[in-house]
Amino acid sequence: MAAASALAAVSLSLTTGCSDAALCGPPPLDEVSQMDLYGTYAGPHGSRLTLTNIGGTTVTFTARDWPAENGVGILAEDSPSFDGEGTWSLVNDPGEAGLIRLSFENRETGSSGTPLQQLEVGKGEGDAKPLLFAKLGDPDVCRVYELER
């Protein structure tokens, strides 16, 4: 009987898979603060995001080869990109998973579209090192844009 229950549980998890939006992407990083996030993150197709603190409460970022759009198309190797910079903020309550918002202030001219401006904070496999990611498109299909330090 226990084996049948275990098999039923496995079958259920396989059929639901990533259709559960909460299971899509890396697990959340518990208790994240701005200080935990400073550094450079690398993503698909050469993208880079550097989060810095220039003193006081001002936190800035620099983006290189950043997706010029925010949909599933950014996963394609030939998706448009640009270089830019601005300020960022960590939006979360204590004990909640982190959410980063990017506000572009200087953006390479000629780039159109609305760029990826919101990232969730997750933890990498086997360690508590933060990584940044965005869930893209239909929540029933797990597509994730991921940046690692």
N, C-alpha and C. Protein backbone atom coordinates (compact mmCIF):
# COMPACT_ATOMS: atom_id res chain seq x y z
N MET A 1 0.82 -1.19 0.00
CA MET A 1 0.00 0.00 0.00
C MET A 1 0.86 1.26 0.00
N ALA A 2 1.94 1.25 0.82
CA ALA A 2 2.83 2.41 0.87
C ALA A 2 3.50 2.62 -0.47
N ALA A 3 3.88 1.52 -1.15
CA ALA A 3 4.51 1.63 -2.46
C ALA A 3 3.56 2.24 -3.47
N ALA A 4 2.27 1.86 -3.40
CA ALA A 4 1.28 2.42 -4.33
C ALA A 4 1.09 3.91 -4.07
N SER A 5 1.09 4.33 -2.80
CA SER A 5 0.95 5.75 -2.47
C SER A 5 2.15 6.54 -2.96
N ALA A 6 3.35 5.96 -2.78
CA ALA A 6 4.56 6.64 -3.25
C ALA A 6 4.54 6.77 -4.76
N LEU A 7 4.13 5.71 -5.47
CA LEU A 7 4.06 5.75 -6.93
C LEU A 7 3.05 6.79 -7.39
N ALA A 8 1.92 6.87 -6.71
CA ALA A 8 0.90 7.87 -7.07
C ALA A 8 1.45 9.28 -6.87
N ALA A 9 2.20 9.50 -5.79
CA ALA A 9 2.78 10.82 -5.53
C ALA A 9 3.80 11.18 -6.59
N VAL A 10 4.64 10.21 -7.01
CA VAL A 10 5.62 10.47 -8.05
C VAL A 10 4.92 10.77 -9.36
N SER A 11 3.88 10.01 -9.70
CA SER A 11 3.14 10.24 -10.94
C SER A 11 2.52 11.63 -10.95
N LEU A 12 1.97 12.04 -9.83
CA LEU A 12 1.35 13.36 -9.74
C LEU A 12 2.39 14.45 -9.95
N SER A 13 3.57 14.33 -9.32
CA SER A 13 4.58 15.37 -9.47
C SER A 13 5.12 15.41 -10.89
N LEU A 14 5.17 14.28 -11.59
CA LEU A 14 5.64 14.27 -12.96
C LEU A 14 4.63 14.90 -13.90
N THR A 15 3.35 14.71 -13.64
CA THR A 15 2.36 15.27 -14.54
C THR A 15 2.16 16.76 -14.31
N THR A 16 2.36 17.22 -13.08
CA THR A 16 2.20 18.65 -12.84
C THR A 16 3.48 19.40 -13.16
N GLY A 17 4.65 18.80 -12.92
CA GLY A 17 5.94 19.37 -13.28
C GLY A 17 6.04 20.85 -13.03
N CYS A 18 6.46 21.59 -14.04
CA CYS A 18 6.63 23.04 -13.92
C CYS A 18 5.34 23.80 -14.13
N SER A 19 4.24 23.09 -14.33
CA SER A 19 2.99 23.83 -14.50
C SER A 19 2.62 24.56 -13.21
N ASP A 20 3.22 24.15 -12.09
CA ASP A 20 3.04 24.86 -10.84
C ASP A 20 4.06 25.99 -10.83
N ALA A 21 3.59 27.23 -10.98
CA ALA A 21 4.50 28.37 -11.10
C ALA A 21 5.46 28.48 -9.93
N ALA A 22 5.05 28.03 -8.75
CA ALA A 22 5.92 28.10 -7.57
C ALA A 22 7.12 27.19 -7.71
N LEU A 23 7.01 26.13 -8.50
CA LEU A 23 8.12 25.18 -8.67
C LEU A 23 9.05 25.57 -9.82
N CYS A 24 8.71 26.56 -10.57
CA CYS A 24 9.50 26.97 -11.72
C CYS A 24 10.63 27.90 -11.27
N GLY A 25 11.85 27.56 -11.65
CA GLY A 25 13.00 28.38 -11.31
C GLY A 25 13.66 27.92 -10.03
N PRO A 26 14.76 28.57 -9.66
CA PRO A 26 15.49 28.20 -8.45
C PRO A 26 14.67 28.46 -7.20
N PRO A 27 14.98 27.75 -6.11
CA PRO A 27 14.28 28.02 -4.85
C PRO A 27 14.64 29.41 -4.34
N PRO A 28 13.74 30.05 -3.61
CA PRO A 28 14.03 31.40 -3.09
C PRO A 28 15.17 31.37 -2.07
N LEU A 29 15.91 32.45 -2.01
CA LEU A 29 16.97 32.61 -1.03
C LEU A 29 16.36 33.27 0.20
N ASP A 30 16.37 32.56 1.32
CA ASP A 30 15.78 33.08 2.55
C ASP A 30 16.60 34.25 3.08
N GLU A 31 15.92 35.23 3.63
CA GLU A 31 16.56 36.36 4.31
C GLU A 31 17.64 37.04 3.46
N VAL A 32 17.27 37.61 2.36
CA VAL A 32 18.23 38.28 1.49
C VAL A 32 18.24 39.78 1.79
N SER A 33 19.44 40.39 1.74
CA SER A 33 19.58 41.83 1.92
C SER A 33 20.36 42.38 0.73
N GLN A 34 20.39 43.71 0.61
CA GLN A 34 21.14 44.33 -0.48
C GLN A 34 22.60 43.90 -0.45
N MET A 35 23.20 43.86 0.74
CA MET A 35 24.62 43.51 0.86
C MET A 35 24.91 42.12 0.29
N ASP A 36 23.94 41.22 0.36
CA ASP A 36 24.13 39.87 -0.17
C ASP A 36 24.23 39.85 -1.69
N LEU A 37 23.77 40.90 -2.34
CA LEU A 37 23.60 40.88 -3.79
C LEU A 37 24.67 41.60 -4.59
N TYR A 38 25.52 42.40 -3.94
CA TYR A 38 26.53 43.15 -4.68
C TYR A 38 27.44 42.19 -5.42
N GLY A 39 27.78 42.54 -6.66
CA GLY A 39 28.67 41.72 -7.45
C GLY A 39 28.21 41.66 -8.90
N THR A 40 28.92 40.86 -9.69
CA THR A 40 28.62 40.72 -11.11
C THR A 40 28.01 39.36 -11.37
N TYR A 41 26.94 39.38 -12.15
CA TYR A 41 26.19 38.17 -12.52
C TYR A 41 26.29 37.99 -14.03
N ALA A 42 26.47 36.75 -14.46
CA ALA A 42 26.55 36.42 -15.88
C ALA A 42 25.33 35.64 -16.29
N GLY A 43 24.81 35.96 -17.46
CA GLY A 43 23.61 35.30 -17.95
C GLY A 43 23.79 34.78 -19.36
N PRO A 44 22.68 34.39 -19.97
CA PRO A 44 22.72 33.84 -21.33
C PRO A 44 23.29 34.83 -22.35
N HIS A 45 23.97 34.29 -23.33
CA HIS A 45 24.44 35.05 -24.50
C HIS A 45 25.34 36.23 -24.13
N GLY A 46 26.13 36.07 -23.07
CA GLY A 46 27.11 37.09 -22.69
C GLY A 46 26.57 38.23 -21.85
N SER A 47 25.31 38.15 -21.44
CA SER A 47 24.77 39.26 -20.63
C SER A 47 25.46 39.32 -19.28
N ARG A 48 25.63 40.53 -18.77
CA ARG A 48 26.25 40.76 -17.47
C ARG A 48 25.47 41.85 -16.75
N LEU A 49 25.34 41.67 -15.44
CA LEU A 49 24.69 42.66 -14.59
C LEU A 49 25.55 42.83 -13.36
N THR A 50 26.02 44.06 -13.11
CA THR A 50 26.84 44.35 -11.94
C THR A 50 26.05 45.26 -11.01
N LEU A 51 25.83 44.77 -9.79
CA LEU A 51 25.10 45.53 -8.76
C LEU A 51 26.12 46.11 -7.78
N THR A 52 26.09 47.43 -7.59
CA THR A 52 27.08 48.10 -6.75
C THR A 52 26.40 49.05 -5.76
N ASN A 53 27.18 49.48 -4.78
CA ASN A 53 26.75 50.48 -3.81
C ASN A 53 27.77 51.60 -3.89
N ILE A 54 27.33 52.81 -4.22
CA ILE A 54 28.27 53.92 -4.35
C ILE A 54 28.30 54.78 -3.09
N GLY A 55 27.71 54.29 -2.02
CA GLY A 55 27.71 55.01 -0.75
C GLY A 55 26.32 55.41 -0.33
N GLY A 56 26.11 55.41 0.94
CA GLY A 56 24.80 55.76 1.47
C GLY A 56 23.76 54.74 1.05
N THR A 57 22.62 55.23 0.60
CA THR A 57 21.55 54.32 0.19
C THR A 57 21.47 54.18 -1.33
N THR A 58 22.42 54.77 -2.04
CA THR A 58 22.39 54.72 -3.50
C THR A 58 23.01 53.42 -4.00
N VAL A 59 22.23 52.63 -4.70
CA VAL A 59 22.72 51.39 -5.29
C VAL A 59 22.51 51.48 -6.81
N THR A 60 23.57 51.22 -7.53
CA THR A 60 23.54 51.35 -8.98
C THR A 60 23.81 50.01 -9.64
N PHE A 61 23.57 49.97 -10.93
CA PHE A 61 23.89 48.78 -11.70
C PHE A 61 24.41 49.18 -13.07
N THR A 62 25.16 48.27 -13.66
CA THR A 62 25.61 48.38 -15.04
C THR A 62 25.21 47.10 -15.74
N ALA A 63 24.60 47.22 -16.89
CA ALA A 63 24.17 46.05 -17.67
C ALA A 63 24.90 46.05 -19.01
N ARG A 64 25.39 44.89 -19.40
CA ARG A 64 26.06 44.71 -20.69
C ARG A 64 25.37 43.58 -21.43
N ASP A 65 25.12 43.78 -22.71
CA ASP A 65 24.41 42.79 -23.52
C ASP A 65 23.10 42.37 -22.85
N TRP A 66 22.38 43.37 -22.32
CA TRP A 66 21.14 43.13 -21.58
C TRP A 66 19.98 42.95 -22.55
N PRO A 67 19.03 42.05 -22.26
CA PRO A 67 17.89 41.84 -23.16
C PRO A 67 17.08 43.12 -23.35
N ALA A 68 16.86 43.47 -24.61
CA ALA A 68 16.12 44.68 -24.94
C ALA A 68 14.62 44.48 -24.81
N GLU A 69 14.19 43.25 -24.59
CA GLU A 69 12.78 42.94 -24.41
C GLU A 69 12.63 42.12 -23.14
N ASN A 70 11.40 41.78 -22.77
CA ASN A 70 11.21 41.03 -21.53
C ASN A 70 10.40 39.76 -21.68
N GLY A 71 10.21 39.26 -22.88
CA GLY A 71 9.43 38.04 -23.10
C GLY A 71 10.31 36.83 -23.33
N VAL A 72 9.70 35.73 -23.72
CA VAL A 72 10.44 34.48 -23.93
C VAL A 72 11.47 34.60 -25.05
N GLY A 73 11.32 35.56 -25.92
CA GLY A 73 12.27 35.76 -27.01
C GLY A 73 13.68 36.06 -26.54
N ILE A 74 13.85 36.52 -25.30
CA ILE A 74 15.20 36.85 -24.82
C ILE A 74 16.06 35.61 -24.62
N LEU A 75 15.46 34.44 -24.68
CA LEU A 75 16.23 33.20 -24.55
C LEU A 75 16.91 32.82 -25.86
N ALA A 76 16.48 33.41 -26.98
CA ALA A 76 17.09 33.14 -28.28
C ALA A 76 18.45 33.83 -28.38
N GLU A 77 19.38 33.15 -29.01
CA GLU A 77 20.74 33.68 -29.10
C GLU A 77 20.82 34.99 -29.87
N ASP A 78 19.92 35.20 -30.81
CA ASP A 78 19.96 36.42 -31.62
C ASP A 78 19.01 37.51 -31.13
N SER A 79 18.55 37.41 -29.89
CA SER A 79 17.63 38.43 -29.38
C SER A 79 18.37 39.76 -29.22
N PRO A 80 17.67 40.89 -29.46
CA PRO A 80 18.32 42.20 -29.35
C PRO A 80 18.77 42.48 -27.91
N SER A 81 19.91 43.16 -27.80
CA SER A 81 20.43 43.52 -26.49
C SER A 81 21.02 44.93 -26.54
N PHE A 82 21.37 45.46 -25.36
CA PHE A 82 21.94 46.80 -25.27
C PHE A 82 22.79 46.88 -24.01
N ASP A 83 23.52 47.98 -23.87
CA ASP A 83 24.27 48.28 -22.65
C ASP A 83 23.56 49.45 -21.97
N GLY A 84 23.52 49.43 -20.64
CA GLY A 84 22.85 50.50 -19.92
C GLY A 84 23.26 50.51 -18.46
N GLU A 85 22.73 51.49 -17.75
CA GLU A 85 23.00 51.61 -16.32
C GLU A 85 21.83 52.32 -15.66
N GLY A 86 21.83 52.28 -14.33
CA GLY A 86 20.77 52.93 -13.59
C GLY A 86 20.86 52.59 -12.12
N THR A 87 19.72 52.63 -11.45
CA THR A 87 19.66 52.29 -10.02
C THR A 87 18.78 51.06 -9.86
N TRP A 88 18.99 50.35 -8.76
CA TRP A 88 18.20 49.16 -8.48
C TRP A 88 17.73 49.18 -7.03
N SER A 89 16.68 48.42 -6.77
CA SER A 89 16.19 48.31 -5.40
C SER A 89 15.75 46.88 -5.13
N LEU A 90 15.94 46.47 -3.89
CA LEU A 90 15.49 45.18 -3.43
C LEU A 90 14.13 45.40 -2.77
N VAL A 91 13.12 44.72 -3.28
CA VAL A 91 11.77 44.91 -2.81
C VAL A 91 11.32 43.61 -2.14
N ASN A 92 11.37 43.56 -0.83
CA ASN A 92 10.87 42.40 -0.09
C ASN A 92 10.73 42.76 1.38
N ASP A 93 9.88 42.04 2.04
CA ASP A 93 9.74 42.16 3.49
C ASP A 93 10.66 41.14 4.13
N PRO A 94 11.12 41.38 5.38
CA PRO A 94 11.98 40.41 6.05
C PRO A 94 11.35 39.02 6.04
N GLY A 95 12.16 38.02 5.69
CA GLY A 95 11.69 36.64 5.65
C GLY A 95 11.05 36.24 4.34
N GLU A 96 10.88 37.18 3.40
CA GLU A 96 10.28 36.87 2.10
C GLU A 96 11.36 36.78 1.04
N ALA A 97 11.04 36.08 -0.03
CA ALA A 97 11.96 35.98 -1.16
C ALA A 97 12.18 37.38 -1.75
N GLY A 98 13.38 37.62 -2.25
CA GLY A 98 13.73 38.93 -2.78
C GLY A 98 13.28 39.15 -4.21
N LEU A 99 13.03 40.40 -4.52
CA LEU A 99 12.66 40.83 -5.86
C LEU A 99 13.45 42.10 -6.14
N ILE A 100 14.17 42.12 -7.25
CA ILE A 100 14.97 43.28 -7.62
C ILE A 100 14.29 44.02 -8.76
N ARG A 101 14.24 45.33 -8.62
CA ARG A 101 13.71 46.17 -9.70
C ARG A 101 14.84 47.04 -10.24
N LEU A 102 14.97 47.04 -11.54
CA LEU A 102 15.99 47.84 -12.22
C LEU A 102 15.33 49.06 -12.85
N SER A 103 15.91 50.23 -12.63
CA SER A 103 15.44 51.47 -13.26
C SER A 103 16.55 51.98 -14.15
N PHE A 104 16.39 51.81 -15.46
CA PHE A 104 17.41 52.26 -16.41
C PHE A 104 17.38 53.77 -16.53
N GLU A 105 18.55 54.41 -16.36
CA GLU A 105 18.66 55.86 -16.49
C GLU A 105 19.43 56.22 -17.74
N ASN A 106 20.44 55.47 -18.06
CA ASN A 106 21.21 55.68 -19.28
C ASN A 106 21.16 54.37 -20.05
N ARG A 107 20.71 54.48 -21.27
CA ARG A 107 20.54 53.30 -22.10
C ARG A 107 21.08 53.59 -23.48
N GLU A 108 21.82 52.65 -24.01
CA GLU A 108 22.39 52.77 -25.34
C GLU A 108 21.29 53.23 -26.31
N THR A 109 21.57 54.24 -27.11
CA THR A 109 20.56 54.73 -28.05
C THR A 109 20.30 53.68 -29.12
N GLY A 110 19.12 53.76 -29.67
CA GLY A 110 18.75 52.85 -30.73
C GLY A 110 18.11 51.56 -30.24
N SER A 111 18.07 51.35 -28.94
CA SER A 111 17.44 50.12 -28.43
C SER A 111 15.97 50.40 -28.18
N SER A 112 15.14 49.53 -28.72
CA SER A 112 13.70 49.73 -28.54
C SER A 112 13.14 48.63 -27.65
N GLY A 113 11.88 48.73 -27.33
CA GLY A 113 11.24 47.73 -26.49
C GLY A 113 11.42 48.03 -25.01
N THR A 114 10.71 47.28 -24.20
CA THR A 114 10.82 47.40 -22.75
C THR A 114 11.75 46.31 -22.26
N PRO A 115 12.89 46.69 -21.68
CA PRO A 115 13.86 45.67 -21.27
C PRO A 115 13.40 44.90 -20.02
N LEU A 116 14.07 43.81 -19.76
CA LEU A 116 13.86 43.04 -18.55
C LEU A 116 14.21 43.94 -17.37
N GLN A 117 13.24 44.23 -16.48
CA GLN A 117 13.45 45.18 -15.39
C GLN A 117 13.17 44.61 -14.01
N GLN A 118 12.78 43.34 -13.93
CA GLN A 118 12.46 42.76 -12.63
C GLN A 118 13.04 41.36 -12.56
N LEU A 119 13.75 41.07 -11.46
CA LEU A 119 14.39 39.77 -11.26
C LEU A 119 14.08 39.25 -9.87
N GLU A 120 13.90 37.96 -9.77
CA GLU A 120 13.73 37.33 -8.47
C GLU A 120 15.09 36.87 -7.98
N VAL A 121 15.23 36.73 -6.66
CA VAL A 121 16.48 36.25 -6.06
C VAL A 121 16.28 34.81 -5.63
N GLY A 122 17.15 33.94 -6.13
CA GLY A 122 17.08 32.53 -5.76
C GLY A 122 18.43 32.07 -5.27
N LYS A 123 18.52 30.79 -4.90
CA LYS A 123 19.81 30.27 -4.47
C LYS A 123 20.27 29.19 -5.43
N GLY A 124 21.58 29.19 -5.66
CA GLY A 124 22.17 28.21 -6.55
C GLY A 124 22.18 26.83 -5.92
N GLU A 125 22.41 25.84 -6.74
CA GLU A 125 22.45 24.46 -6.25
C GLU A 125 23.63 24.27 -5.30
N GLY A 126 23.36 23.62 -4.17
CA GLY A 126 24.41 23.23 -3.25
C GLY A 126 25.00 24.33 -2.40
N ASP A 127 24.59 25.57 -2.57
CA ASP A 127 25.13 26.64 -1.72
C ASP A 127 24.08 27.73 -1.55
N ALA A 128 24.41 28.67 -0.71
CA ALA A 128 23.47 29.77 -0.45
C ALA A 128 23.82 31.01 -1.27
N LYS A 129 24.73 30.85 -2.27
CA LYS A 129 25.10 31.99 -3.10
C LYS A 129 23.89 32.42 -3.93
N PRO A 130 23.56 33.71 -3.91
CA PRO A 130 22.38 34.15 -4.65
C PRO A 130 22.58 34.08 -6.15
N LEU A 131 21.50 33.86 -6.85
CA LEU A 131 21.45 34.02 -8.29
C LEU A 131 20.18 34.78 -8.60
N LEU A 132 20.13 35.38 -9.76
CA LEU A 132 18.99 36.20 -10.16
C LEU A 132 18.30 35.52 -11.32
N PHE A 133 16.96 35.61 -11.36
CA PHE A 133 16.25 34.97 -12.46
C PHE A 133 14.92 35.66 -12.71
N ALA A 134 14.39 35.42 -13.90
CA ALA A 134 13.07 35.91 -14.28
C ALA A 134 12.31 34.76 -14.92
N LYS A 135 11.07 34.57 -14.50
CA LYS A 135 10.19 33.59 -15.13
C LYS A 135 9.58 34.27 -16.34
N LEU A 136 9.60 33.59 -17.47
CA LEU A 136 9.18 34.21 -18.72
C LEU A 136 7.96 33.53 -19.32
N GLY A 137 7.05 34.32 -19.84
CA GLY A 137 5.94 33.79 -20.61
C GLY A 137 4.89 33.06 -19.79
N ASP A 138 4.28 32.09 -20.43
CA ASP A 138 3.20 31.29 -19.87
C ASP A 138 3.65 30.57 -18.61
N PRO A 139 2.98 30.79 -17.48
CA PRO A 139 3.39 30.12 -16.24
C PRO A 139 3.24 28.60 -16.30
N ASP A 140 2.46 28.08 -17.26
CA ASP A 140 2.32 26.63 -17.40
C ASP A 140 3.52 26.00 -18.10
N VAL A 141 4.38 26.83 -18.69
CA VAL A 141 5.59 26.35 -19.34
C VAL A 141 6.76 27.03 -18.64
N CYS A 142 7.60 26.27 -18.00
CA CYS A 142 8.68 26.84 -17.19
C CYS A 142 9.84 27.30 -18.08
N ARG A 143 9.94 28.62 -18.28
CA ARG A 143 11.06 29.21 -19.02
C ARG A 143 11.68 30.24 -18.08
N VAL A 144 12.99 30.12 -17.86
CA VAL A 144 13.67 30.96 -16.88
C VAL A 144 14.91 31.58 -17.49
N TYR A 145 15.06 32.89 -17.29
CA TYR A 145 16.28 33.62 -17.64
C TYR A 145 17.07 33.74 -16.35
N GLU A 146 18.28 33.16 -16.32
CA GLU A 146 19.02 33.02 -15.07
C GLU A 146 20.41 33.67 -15.16
N LEU A 147 20.80 34.38 -14.11
CA LEU A 147 22.12 35.01 -14.01
C LEU A 147 22.80 34.51 -12.75
N GLU A 148 24.05 34.05 -12.89
CA GLU A 148 24.80 33.53 -11.75
C GLU A 148 26.04 34.36 -11.48
N ARG A 149 26.45 34.39 -10.21
CA ARG A 149 27.68 35.07 -9.82
C ARG A 149 28.85 34.14 -9.96
